[in-house]
PDB file of N, CA and C in Angstrom:
ATOM      1  N   MET A   1      -3.494   2.124  -7.349  1.00  0.00           N
ATOM      2  CA  MET A   1      -4.579   1.679  -8.185  1.00  0.00           C
ATOM      3  C   MET A   1      -5.783   1.344  -7.292  1.00  0.00           C
ATOM      4  N   LYS A   2      -6.941   1.924  -7.618  1.00  0.00           N
ATOM      5  CA  LYS A   2      -8.116   1.658  -6.834  1.00  0.00           C
ATOM      6  C   LYS A   2      -9.179   0.978  -7.624  1.00  0.00           C
ATOM      7  N   THR A   3      -9.112   1.014  -8.945  1.00  0.00           N
ATOM      8  CA  THR A   3     -10.171   0.484  -9.765  1.00  0.00           C
ATOM      9  C   THR A   3      -9.617  -0.482 -10.821  1.00  0.00           C
ATOM     10  N   ARG A   4     -10.546  -1.297 -11.383  1.00  0.00           N
ATOM     11  CA  ARG A   4     -10.142  -2.173 -12.481  1.00  0.00           C
ATOM     12  C   ARG A   4      -9.648  -1.364 -13.674  1.00  0.00           C
ATOM     13  N   LYS A   5     -10.321  -0.199 -13.886  1.00  0.00           N
ATOM     14  CA  LYS A   5      -9.894   0.649 -15.011  1.00  0.00           C
ATOM     15  C   LYS A   5      -8.450   1.080 -14.870  1.00  0.00           C
ATOM     16  N   GLU A   6      -8.070   1.513 -13.672  1.00  0.00           N
ATOM     17  CA  GLU A   6      -6.674   1.917 -13.431  1.00  0.00           C
ATOM     18  C   GLU A   6      -5.723   0.744 -13.610  1.00  0.00           C
ATOM     19  N   LEU A   7      -6.087  -0.441 -13.084  1.00  0.00           N
ATOM     20  CA  LEU A   7      -5.282  -1.613 -13.198  1.00  0.00           C
ATOM     21  C   LEU A   7      -5.126  -1.969 -14.681  1.00  0.00           C
ATOM     22  N   ALA A   8      -6.220  -1.969 -15.432  1.00  0.00           N
ATOM     23  CA  ALA A   8      -6.164  -2.322 -16.865  1.00  0.00           C
ATOM     24  C   ALA A   8      -5.234  -1.384 -17.619  1.00  0.00           C
ATOM     25  N   LYS A   9      -5.247  -0.097 -17.247  1.00  0.00           N
ATOM     26  CA  LYS A   9      -4.320   0.865 -17.913  1.00  0.00           C
ATOM     27  C   LYS A   9      -2.846   0.443 -17.661  1.00  0.00           C
ATOM     28  N   VAL A  10      -2.534   0.034 -16.445  1.00  0.00           N
ATOM     29  CA  VAL A  10      -1.197  -0.380 -16.112  1.00  0.00           C
ATOM     30  C   VAL A  10      -0.842  -1.658 -16.873  1.00  0.00           C
ATOM     31  N   LEU A  11      -1.784  -2.619 -16.965  1.00  0.00           N
ATOM     32  CA  LEU A  11      -1.524  -3.855 -17.649  1.00  0.00           C
ATOM     33  C   LEU A  11      -1.339  -3.670 -19.134  1.00  0.00           C
ATOM     34  N   ARG A  12      -2.121  -2.779 -19.730  1.00  0.00           N
ATOM     35  CA  ARG A  12      -1.921  -2.491 -21.186  1.00  0.00           C
ATOM     36  C   ARG A  12      -0.559  -1.909 -21.415  1.00  0.00           C
ATOM     37  N   LYS A  13      -0.159  -0.968 -20.570  1.00  0.00           N
ATOM     38  CA  LYS A  13       1.193  -0.332 -20.719  1.00  0.00           C
ATOM     39  C   LYS A  13       2.277  -1.409 -20.604  1.00  0.00           C
ATOM     40  N   ARG A  14       2.162  -2.356 -19.673  1.00  0.00           N
ATOM     41  CA  ARG A  14       3.144  -3.432 -19.539  1.00  0.00           C
ATOM     42  C   ARG A  14       3.171  -4.294 -20.769  1.00  0.00           C
ATOM     43  N   GLN A  15       2.009  -4.637 -21.318  1.00  0.00           N
ATOM     44  CA  GLN A  15       1.945  -5.436 -22.506  1.00  0.00           C
ATOM     45  C   GLN A  15       2.600  -4.763 -23.700  1.00  0.00           C
ATOM     46  N   VAL A  16       2.310  -3.474 -23.875  1.00  0.00           N
ATOM     47  CA  VAL A  16       2.883  -2.746 -24.971  1.00  0.00           C
ATOM     48  C   VAL A  16       4.427  -2.708 -24.820  1.00  0.00           C
ATOM     49  N   GLU A  17       4.907  -2.532 -23.626  1.00  0.00           N
ATOM     50  CA  GLU A  17       6.344  -2.502 -23.378  1.00  0.00           C
ATOM     51  C   GLU A  17       6.988  -3.877 -23.691  1.00  0.00           C
ATOM     52  N   LEU A  18       6.240  -4.965 -23.524  1.00  0.00           N
ATOM     53  CA  LEU A  18       6.758  -6.298 -23.799  1.00  0.00           C
ATOM     54  C   LEU A  18       6.612  -6.706 -25.264  1.00  0.00           C
ATOM     55  N   LEU A  19       5.941  -5.921 -26.078  1.00  0.00           N
ATOM     56  CA  LEU A  19       5.709  -6.314 -27.501  1.00  0.00           C
ATOM     57  C   LEU A  19       6.988  -6.680 -28.223  1.00  0.00           C
ATOM     58  N   PRO A  20       8.085  -5.932 -28.090  1.00  0.00           N
ATOM     59  CA  PRO A  20       9.285  -6.346 -28.848  1.00  0.00           C
ATOM     60  C   PRO A  20       9.769  -7.743 -28.479  1.00  0.00           C
ATOM     61  N   VAL A  21       9.464  -8.199 -27.283  1.00  0.00           N
ATOM     62  CA  VAL A  21       9.897  -9.512 -26.838  1.00  0.00           C
ATOM     63  C   VAL A  21       8.925 -10.585 -27.191  1.00  0.00           C
ATOM     64  N   THR A  22       7.658 -10.389 -26.911  1.00  0.00           N
ATOM     65  CA  THR A  22       6.641 -11.447 -27.074  1.00  0.00           C
ATOM     66  C   THR A  22       5.725 -11.245 -28.316  1.00  0.00           C
ATOM     67  N   GLY A  23       5.557 -10.036 -28.734  1.00  0.00           N
ATOM     68  CA  GLY A  23       4.613  -9.741 -29.781  1.00  0.00           C
ATOM     69  C   GLY A  23       4.800 -10.485 -31.112  1.00  0.00           C
ATOM     70  N   PRO A  24       6.053 -10.460 -31.696  1.00  0.00           N
ATOM     71  CA  PRO A  24       6.226 -11.050 -32.977  1.00  0.00           C
ATOM     72  C   PRO A  24       5.849 -12.560 -33.042  1.00  0.00           C
ATOM     73  N   GLN A  25       6.307 -13.355 -32.062  1.00  0.00           N
ATOM     74  CA  GLN A  25       6.030 -14.796 -32.159  1.00  0.00           C
ATOM     75  C   GLN A  25       4.600 -15.132 -31.779  1.00  0.00           C
ATOM     76  N   LEU A  26       3.917 -14.245 -31.073  1.00  0.00           N
ATOM     77  CA  LEU A  26       2.525 -14.537 -30.667  1.00  0.00           C
ATOM     78  C   LEU A  26       1.504 -13.827 -31.539  1.00  0.00           C
ATOM     79  N   GLY A  27       1.949 -12.951 -32.437  1.00  0.00           N
ATOM     80  CA  GLY A  27       1.030 -12.246 -33.286  1.00  0.00           C
ATOM     81  C   GLY A  27       0.282 -11.152 -32.560  1.00  0.00           C
ATOM     82  N   ILE A  28       0.838 -10.623 -31.505  1.00  0.00           N
ATOM     83  CA  ILE A  28       0.172  -9.560 -30.695  1.00  0.00           C
ATOM     84  C   ILE A  28       0.612  -8.213 -31.193  1.00  0.00           C
ATOM     85  N   THR A  29      -0.337  -7.312 -31.313  1.00  0.00           N
ATOM     86  CA  THR A  29      -0.040  -5.950 -31.741  1.00  0.00           C
ATOM     87  C   THR A  29      -0.561  -4.974 -30.703  1.00  0.00           C
ATOM     88  N   LYS A  30      -0.076  -3.746 -30.753  1.00  0.00           N
ATOM     89  CA  LYS A  30      -0.584  -2.723 -29.836  1.00  0.00           C
ATOM     90  C   LYS A  30      -2.073  -2.508 -30.057  1.00  0.00           C
ATOM     91  N   GLU A  31      -2.511  -2.578 -31.290  1.00  0.00           N
ATOM     92  CA  GLU A  31      -3.929  -2.407 -31.607  1.00  0.00           C
ATOM     93  C   GLU A  31      -4.808  -3.466 -30.928  1.00  0.00           C
ATOM     94  N   LYS A  32      -4.297  -4.754 -30.961  1.00  0.00           N
ATOM     95  CA  LYS A  32      -5.051  -5.835 -30.302  1.00  0.00           C
ATOM     96  C   LYS A  32      -5.139  -5.615 -28.834  1.00  0.00           C
ATOM     97  N   ILE A  33      -4.039  -5.163 -28.238  1.00  0.00           N
ATOM     98  CA  ILE A  33      -4.029  -4.891 -26.793  1.00  0.00           C
ATOM     99  C   ILE A  33      -5.010  -3.793 -26.408  1.00  0.00           C
ATOM    100  N   GLU A  34      -4.999  -2.710 -27.217  1.00  0.00           N
ATOM    101  CA  GLU A  34      -5.868  -1.584 -26.953  1.00  0.00           C
ATOM    102  C   GLU A  34      -7.350  -1.892 -27.119  1.00  0.00           C
ATOM    103  N   LYS A  35      -7.664  -2.934 -27.959  1.00  0.00           N
ATOM    104  CA  LYS A  35      -9.076  -3.285 -28.194  1.00  0.00           C
ATOM    105  C   LYS A  35      -9.665  -4.137 -27.056  1.00  0.00           C
ATOM    106  N   LEU A  36      -8.812  -4.729 -26.224  1.00  0.00           N
ATOM    107  CA  LEU A  36      -9.324  -5.496 -25.140  1.00  0.00           C
ATOM    108  C   LEU A  36     -10.052  -4.673 -24.105  1.00  0.00           C
ATOM    109  N   SER A  37     -11.157  -5.195 -23.552  1.00  0.00           N
ATOM    110  CA  SER A  37     -11.841  -4.484 -22.497  1.00  0.00           C
ATOM    111  C   SER A  37     -10.986  -4.542 -21.235  1.00  0.00           C
ATOM    112  N   ASP A  38     -11.351  -3.696 -20.264  1.00  0.00           N
ATOM    113  CA  ASP A  38     -10.577  -3.728 -19.000  1.00  0.00           C
ATOM    114  C   ASP A  38     -10.633  -5.141 -18.401  1.00  0.00           C
ATOM    115  N   ASP A  39     -11.788  -5.743 -18.331  1.00  0.00           N
ATOM    116  CA  ASP A  39     -11.835  -7.072 -17.746  1.00  0.00           C
ATOM    117  C   ASP A  39     -11.088  -8.121 -18.559  1.00  0.00           C
ATOM    118  N   GLN A  40     -11.070  -7.992 -19.864  1.00  0.00           N
ATOM    119  CA  GLN A  40     -10.323  -8.938 -20.678  1.00  0.00           C
ATOM    120  C   GLN A  40      -8.828  -8.881 -20.452  1.00  0.00           C
ATOM    121  N   ILE A  41      -8.267  -7.696 -20.333  1.00  0.00           N
ATOM    122  CA  ILE A  41      -6.832  -7.588 -20.060  1.00  0.00           C
ATOM    123  C   ILE A  41      -6.482  -8.115 -18.690  1.00  0.00           C
ATOM    124  N   ILE A  42      -7.395  -7.842 -17.706  1.00  0.00           N
ATOM    125  CA  ILE A  42      -7.126  -8.370 -16.361  1.00  0.00           C
ATOM    126  C   ILE A  42      -7.240  -9.898 -16.361  1.00  0.00           C
ATOM    127  N   GLU A  43      -8.251 -10.440 -17.008  1.00  0.00           N
ATOM    128  CA  GLU A  43      -8.428 -11.869 -17.117  1.00  0.00           C
ATOM    129  C   GLU A  43      -7.202 -12.518 -17.738  1.00  0.00           C
ATOM    130  N   SER A  44      -6.566 -11.849 -18.697  1.00  0.00           N
ATOM    131  CA  SER A  44      -5.389 -12.431 -19.350  1.00  0.00           C
ATOM    132  C   SER A  44      -4.247 -12.580 -18.412  1.00  0.00           C
ATOM    133  N   TYR A  45      -4.186 -11.759 -17.349  1.00  0.00           N
ATOM    134  CA  TYR A  45      -3.121 -11.832 -16.368  1.00  0.00           C
ATOM    135  C   TYR A  45      -3.393 -12.869 -15.283  1.00  0.00           C
ATOM    136  N   ILE A  46      -4.689 -13.165 -15.016  1.00  0.00           N
ATOM    137  CA  ILE A  46      -4.989 -14.127 -13.946  1.00  0.00           C
ATOM    138  C   ILE A  46      -5.327 -15.497 -14.473  1.00  0.00           C
ATOM    139  N   THR A  47      -5.155 -15.710 -15.783  1.00  0.00           N
ATOM    140  CA  THR A  47      -5.454 -16.977 -16.388  1.00  0.00           C
ATOM    141  C   THR A  47      -4.196 -17.580 -17.005  1.00  0.00           C
ATOM    142  N   CYS A  48      -3.918 -18.842 -16.725  1.00  0.00           N
ATOM    143  CA  CYS A  48      -2.752 -19.515 -17.220  1.00  0.00           C
ATOM    144  C   CYS A  48      -2.865 -19.666 -18.770  1.00  0.00           C
ATOM    145  N   SER A  49      -1.873 -19.201 -19.475  1.00  0.00           N
ATOM    146  CA  SER A  49      -1.937 -19.272 -20.896  1.00  0.00           C
ATOM    147  C   SER A  49      -1.726 -20.693 -21.475  1.00  0.00           C
ATOM    148  N   ASP A  50      -1.199 -21.571 -20.655  1.00  0.00           N
ATOM    149  CA  ASP A  50      -0.993 -22.953 -21.098  1.00  0.00           C
ATOM    150  C   ASP A  50      -2.241 -23.820 -20.853  1.00  0.00           C
ATOM    151  N   CYS A  51      -2.808 -23.761 -19.647  1.00  0.00           N
ATOM    152  CA  CYS A  51      -3.898 -24.662 -19.331  1.00  0.00           C
ATOM    153  C   CYS A  51      -5.262 -23.983 -19.195  1.00  0.00           C
ATOM    154  N   GLY A  52      -5.278 -22.641 -19.133  1.00  0.00           N
ATOM    155  CA  GLY A  52      -6.528 -21.947 -19.040  1.00  0.00           C
ATOM    156  C   GLY A  52      -7.092 -21.854 -17.586  1.00  0.00           C
ATOM    157  N   ARG A  53      -6.351 -22.365 -16.600  1.00  0.00           N
ATOM    158  CA  ARG A  53      -6.830 -22.296 -15.249  1.00  0.00           C
ATOM    159  C   ARG A  53      -6.682 -20.918 -14.683  1.00  0.00           C
ATOM    160  N   LYS A  54      -7.708 -20.444 -14.002  1.00  0.00           N
ATOM    161  CA  LYS A  54      -7.670 -19.100 -13.394  1.00  0.00           C
ATOM    162  C   LYS A  54      -6.988 -19.231 -12.059  1.00  0.00           C
ATOM    163  N   MET A  55      -5.972 -18.438 -11.832  1.00  0.00           N
ATOM    164  CA  MET A  55      -5.250 -18.417 -10.573  1.00  0.00           C
ATOM    165  C   MET A  55      -5.934 -17.607  -9.515  1.00  0.00           C
ATOM    166  N   ALA A  56      -6.865 -16.736  -9.954  1.00  0.00           N
ATOM    167  CA  ALA A  56      -7.638 -15.882  -9.082  1.00  0.00           C
ATOM    168  C   ALA A  56      -8.944 -15.506  -9.737  1.00  0.00           C
ATOM    169  N   THR A  57      -9.813 -14.927  -8.966  1.00  0.00           N
ATOM    170  CA  THR A  57     -11.123 -14.487  -9.504  1.00  0.00           C
ATOM    171  C   THR A  57     -11.119 -12.967  -9.641  1.00  0.00           C
ATOM    172  N   MET A  58     -12.079 -12.449 -10.324  1.00  0.00           N
ATOM    173  CA  MET A  58     -12.211 -10.998 -10.417  1.00  0.00           C
ATOM    174  C   MET A  58     -12.562 -10.401  -9.055  1.00  0.00           C
ATOM    175  N   GLU A  59     -13.224 -11.191  -8.235  1.00  0.00           N
ATOM    176  CA  GLU A  59     -13.518 -10.729  -6.876  1.00  0.00           C
ATOM    177  C   GLU A  59     -12.234 -10.610  -6.059  1.00  0.00           C
ATOM    178  N   ASP A  60     -11.285 -11.544  -6.305  1.00  0.00           N
ATOM    179  CA  ASP A  60      -9.959 -11.418  -5.668  1.00  0.00           C
ATOM    180  C   ASP A  60      -9.278 -10.164  -6.110  1.00  0.00           C
ATOM    181  N   VAL A  61      -9.361  -9.861  -7.401  1.00  0.00           N
ATOM    182  CA  VAL A  61      -8.753  -8.645  -7.968  1.00  0.00           C
ATOM    183  C   VAL A  61      -9.335  -7.394  -7.227  1.00  0.00           C
ATOM    184  N   ASP A  62     -10.676  -7.395  -7.094  1.00  0.00           N
ATOM    185  CA  ASP A  62     -11.323  -6.269  -6.406  1.00  0.00           C
ATOM    186  C   ASP A  62     -10.866  -6.121  -4.960  1.00  0.00           C
ATOM    187  N   ARG A  63     -10.714  -7.287  -4.289  1.00  0.00           N
ATOM    188  CA  ARG A  63     -10.257  -7.240  -2.871  1.00  0.00           C
ATOM    189  C   ARG A  63      -8.848  -6.644  -2.795  1.00  0.00           C
ATOM    190  N   VAL A  64      -7.997  -7.014  -3.711  1.00  0.00           N
ATOM    191  CA  VAL A  64      -6.634  -6.495  -3.684  1.00  0.00           C
ATOM    192  C   VAL A  64      -6.632  -5.008  -4.050  1.00  0.00           C
ATOM    193  N   LEU A  65      -7.496  -4.605  -4.957  1.00  0.00           N
ATOM    194  CA  LEU A  65      -7.543  -3.171  -5.331  1.00  0.00           C
ATOM    195  C   LEU A  65      -8.072  -2.348  -4.170  1.00  0.00           C
ATOM    196  N   GLU A  66      -8.834  -2.922  -3.272  1.00  0.00           N
ATOM    197  CA  GLU A  66      -9.273  -2.236  -2.094  1.00  0.00           C
ATOM    198  C   GLU A  66      -8.075  -1.796  -1.196  1.00  0.00           C
ATOM    199  N   GLU A  67      -6.972  -2.529  -1.354  1.00  0.00           N
ATOM    200  CA  GLU A  67      -5.754  -2.215  -0.607  1.00  0.00           C
ATOM    201  C   GLU A  67      -4.938  -1.079  -1.232  1.00  0.00           C
ATOM    202  N   ASN A  68      -5.395  -0.605  -2.374  1.00  0.00           N
ATOM    203  CA  ASN A  68      -4.817   0.524  -3.107  1.00  0.00           C
ATOM    204  C   ASN A  68      -3.287   0.285  -3.402  1.00  0.00           C
ATOM    205  N   PRO A  69      -2.961  -0.829  -4.065  1.00  0.00           N
ATOM    206  CA  PRO A  69      -1.517  -1.040  -4.374  1.00  0.00           C
ATOM    207  C   PRO A  69      -1.020   0.072  -5.307  1.00  0.00           C
ATOM    208  N   ARG A  70       0.205   0.494  -5.096  1.00  0.00           N
ATOM    209  CA  ARG A  70       0.798   1.607  -5.837  1.00  0.00           C
ATOM    210  C   ARG A  70       1.411   1.156  -7.181  1.00  0.00           C
ATOM    211  N   THR A  71       1.852  -0.092  -7.241  1.00  0.00           N
ATOM    212  CA  THR A  71       2.512  -0.568  -8.452  1.00  0.00           C
ATOM    213  C   THR A  71       1.937  -1.951  -8.850  1.00  0.00           C
ATOM    214  N   PHE A  72       2.258  -2.340 -10.088  1.00  0.00           N
ATOM    215  CA  PHE A  72       1.854  -3.663 -10.517  1.00  0.00           C
ATOM    216  C   PHE A  72       2.467  -4.744  -9.621  1.00  0.00           C
ATOM    217  N   ASP A  73       3.761  -4.596  -9.294  1.00  0.00           N
ATOM    218  CA  ASP A  73       4.430  -5.597  -8.464  1.00  0.00           C
ATOM    219  C   ASP A  73       3.724  -5.748  -7.093  1.00  0.00           C
ATOM    220  N   GLU A  74       3.357  -4.606  -6.515  1.00  0.00           N
ATOM    221  CA  GLU A  74       2.666  -4.665  -5.232  1.00  0.00           C
ATOM    222  C   GLU A  74       1.298  -5.344  -5.398  1.00  0.00           C
ATOM    223  N   PHE A  75       0.592  -4.971  -6.463  1.00  0.00           N
ATOM    224  CA  PHE A  75      -0.716  -5.626  -6.719  1.00  0.00           C
ATOM    225  C   PHE A  75      -0.509  -7.146  -6.870  1.00  0.00           C
ATOM    226  N   TRP A  76       0.450  -7.553  -7.639  1.00  0.00           N
ATOM    227  CA  TRP A  76       0.674  -8.979  -7.902  1.00  0.00           C
ATOM    228  C   TRP A  76       1.043  -9.732  -6.656  1.00  0.00           C
ATOM    229  N   ASP A  77       1.900  -9.160  -5.831  1.00  0.00           N
ATOM    230  CA  ASP A  77       2.287  -9.767  -4.578  1.00  0.00           C
ATOM    231  C   ASP A  77       1.106  -9.942  -3.642  1.00  0.00           C
ATOM    232  N   LEU A  78       0.234  -8.931  -3.544  1.00  0.00           N
ATOM    233  CA  LEU A  78      -0.975  -9.014  -2.720  1.00  0.00           C
ATOM    234  C   LEU A  78      -1.907 -10.096  -3.263  1.00  0.00           C
ATOM    235  N   LEU A  79      -2.073 -10.161  -4.588  1.00  0.00           N
ATOM    236  CA  LEU A  79      -2.947 -11.145  -5.185  1.00  0.00           C
ATOM    237  C   LEU A  79      -2.431 -12.570  -4.942  1.00  0.00           C
ATOM    238  N   GLU A  80      -1.153 -12.769  -5.134  1.00  0.00           N
ATOM    239  CA  GLU A  80      -0.566 -14.096  -4.909  1.00  0.00           C
ATOM    240  C   GLU A  80      -0.716 -14.484  -3.462  1.00  0.00           C
ATOM    241  N   SER A  81      -0.533 -13.553  -2.538  1.00  0.00           N
ATOM    242  CA  SER A  81      -0.686 -13.842  -1.090  1.00  0.00           C
ATOM    243  C   SER A  81      -2.112 -14.243  -0.758  1.00  0.00           C
ATOM    244  N   LEU A  82      -3.073 -13.535  -1.354  1.00  0.00           N
ATOM    245  CA  LEU A  82      -4.455 -13.878  -1.089  1.00  0.00           C
ATOM    246  C   LEU A  82      -4.768 -15.279  -1.599  1.00  0.00           C
ATOM    247  N   VAL A  83      -4.340 -15.588  -2.804  1.00  0.00           N
ATOM    248  CA  VAL A  83      -4.648 -16.887  -3.401  1.00  0.00           C
ATOM    249  C   VAL A  83      -3.936 -17.996  -2.616  1.00  0.00           C
ATOM    250  N   ARG A  84      -2.688 -17.763  -2.235  1.00  0.00           N
ATOM    251  CA  ARG A  84      -1.942 -18.759  -1.495  1.00  0.00           C
ATOM    252  C   ARG A  84      -2.606 -18.998  -0.107  1.00  0.00           C
ATOM    253  N   ALA A  85      -3.044 -17.952   0.542  1.00  0.00           N
ATOM    254  CA  ALA A  85      -3.719 -18.129   1.879  1.00  0.00           C
ATOM    255  C   ALA A  85      -4.998 -18.896   1.723  1.00  0.00           C
ATOM    256  N   ARG A  86      -5.742 -18.674   0.668  1.00  0.00           N
ATOM    257  CA  ARG A  86      -7.001 -19.442   0.451  1.00  0.00           C
ATOM    258  C   ARG A  86      -6.660 -20.933   0.193  1.00  0.00           C
ATOM    259  N   GLU A  87      -5.625 -21.202  -0.573  1.00  0.00           N
ATOM    260  CA  GLU A  87      -5.276 -22.602  -0.889  1.00  0.00           C
ATOM    261  C   GLU A  87      -4.814 -23.291   0.388  1.00  0.00           C
ATOM    262  N   ILE A  88      -4.039 -22.654   1.184  1.00  0.00           N
ATOM    263  CA  ILE A  88      -3.558 -23.215   2.469  1.00  0.00           C
ATOM    264  C   ILE A  88      -4.744 -23.521   3.384  1.00  0.00           C
ATOM    265  N   ALA A  89      -5.645 -22.546   3.478  1.00  0.00           N
ATOM    266  CA  ALA A  89      -6.824 -22.720   4.332  1.00  0.00           C
ATOM    267  C   ALA A  89      -7.710 -23.859   3.820  1.00  0.00           C
ATOM    268  N   SER A  90      -7.823 -23.959   2.507  1.00  0.00           N
ATOM    269  CA  SER A  90      -8.617 -24.997   1.885  1.00  0.00           C
ATOM    270  C   SER A  90      -7.991 -26.394   2.167  1.00  0.00           C
ATOM    271  N   ARG A  91      -6.724 -26.512   2.070  1.00  0.00           N
ATOM    272  CA  ARG A  91      -6.054 -27.781   2.387  1.00  0.00           C
ATOM    273  C   ARG A  91      -6.240 -28.148   3.860  1.00  0.00           C
ATOM    274  N   GLY A  92      -6.151 -27.129   4.692  1.00  0.00           N
ATOM    275  CA  GLY A  92      -6.368 -27.399   6.141  1.00  0.00           C
ATOM    276  C   GLY A  92      -7.756 -27.905   6.457  1.00  0.00           C
ATOM    277  N   VAL A  93      -8.778 -27.339   5.805  1.00  0.00           N
ATOM    278  CA  VAL A  93     -10.142 -27.733   6.021  1.00  0.00           C
ATOM    279  C   VAL A  93     -10.328 -29.195   5.472  1.00  0.00           C
ATOM    280  N   ALA A  94      -9.758 -29.473   4.323  1.00  0.00           N
ATOM    281  CA  ALA A  94      -9.894 -30.821   3.745  1.00  0.00           C
ATOM    282  C   ALA A  94      -9.182 -31.851   4.634  1.00  0.00           C
ATOM    283  N   LYS A  95      -8.003 -31.513   5.148  1.00  0.00           N
ATOM    284  CA  LYS A  95      -7.291 -32.391   6.053  1.00  0.00           C
ATOM    285  C   LYS A  95      -8.116 -32.635   7.320  1.00  0.00           C
ATOM    286  N   PHE A  96      -8.687 -31.561   7.882  1.00  0.00           N
ATOM    287  CA  PHE A  96      -9.520 -31.710   9.058  1.00  0.00           C
ATOM    288  C   PHE A  96     -10.725 -32.620   8.816  1.00  0.00           C
ATOM    289  N   ARG A  97     -11.377 -32.409   7.674  1.00  0.00           N
ATOM    290  CA  ARG A  97     -12.549 -33.216   7.388  1.00  0.00           C
ATOM    291  C   ARG A  97     -12.194 -34.695   7.219  1.00  0.00           C
ATOM    292  N   LYS A  98     -11.018 -34.922   6.603  1.00  0.00           N
ATOM    293  CA  LYS A  98     -10.555 -36.306   6.405  1.00  0.00           C
ATOM    294  C   LYS A  98     -10.280 -36.935   7.751  1.00  0.00           C
ATOM    295  N   GLN A  99      -9.699 -36.207   8.693  1.00  0.00           N
ATOM    296  CA  GLN A  99      -9.364 -36.741  10.008  1.00  0.00           C
ATOM    297  C   GLN A  99     -10.591 -36.832  10.929  1.00  0.00           C
ATOM    298  N   ASN A 100     -11.621 -36.067  10.642  1.00  0.00           N
ATOM    299  CA  ASN A 100     -12.832 -36.028  11.485  1.00  0.00           C
ATOM    300  C   ASN A 100     -14.078 -36.177  10.662  1.00  0.00           C
ATOM    301  N   PRO A 101     -14.245 -37.361  10.005  1.00  0.00           N
ATOM    302  CA  PRO A 101     -15.359 -37.512   9.065  1.00  0.00           C
ATOM    303  C   PRO A 101     -16.749 -37.465   9.646  1.00  0.00           C
ATOM    304  N   LYS A 102     -16.884 -37.751  10.945  1.00  0.00           N
ATOM    305  CA  LYS A 102     -18.236 -37.781  11.580  1.00  0.00           C
ATOM    306  C   LYS A 102     -18.630 -36.435  12.176  1.00  0.00           C
ATOM    307  N   GLN A 103     -17.673 -35.515  12.248  1.00  0.00           N
ATOM    308  CA  GLN A 103     -17.992 -34.243  12.878  1.00  0.00           C
ATOM    309  C   GLN A 103     -18.892 -33.433  11.890  1.00  0.00           C
ATOM    310  N   LYS A 104     -19.963 -32.865  12.434  1.00  0.00           N
ATOM    311  CA  LYS A 104     -20.901 -32.088  11.642  1.00  0.00           C
ATOM    312  C   LYS A 104     -20.292 -30.740  11.281  1.00  0.00           C
ATOM    313  N   ARG A 105     -20.616 -30.324  10.098  1.00  0.00           N
ATOM    314  CA  ARG A 105     -20.159 -29.031   9.598  1.00  0.00           C
ATOM    315  C   ARG A 105     -21.070 -27.956  10.107  1.00  0.00           C
ATOM    316  N   LYS A 106     -20.486 -26.890  10.616  1.00  0.00           N
ATOM    317  CA  LYS A 106     -21.275 -25.732  11.015  1.00  0.00           C
ATOM    318  C   LYS A 106     -21.117 -24.622   9.992  1.00  0.00           C
ATOM    319  N   MET A 107     -22.216 -24.026   9.605  1.00  0.00           N
ATOM    320  CA  MET A 107     -22.177 -22.948   8.626  1.00  0.00           C
ATOM    321  C   MET A 107     -22.483 -21.651   9.321  1.00  0.00           C
TER     322      MET A 107
END
């Protein structure tokens, strides 16, 4: 997969395959899935359905697509790795700033 369009096609297919399991209780139909824009279907995968928090950005999605993942699982693993690395780096910076409050930040 190299583009959002290709990713969205894979995600729609996955959702349609899951319809017998999730569709009836959630009121989801194949028609509703097909009406979603490419960005909407991608957003549905990177957004928590319980709290609405985004686990990644569309820019993250684009970065992962640049790696040309062959499958959804490979795409998802790369995306999770990217997000996890950013969170670890962010915690490291916050910890450093807490330990060194007087040190000037360089941009």
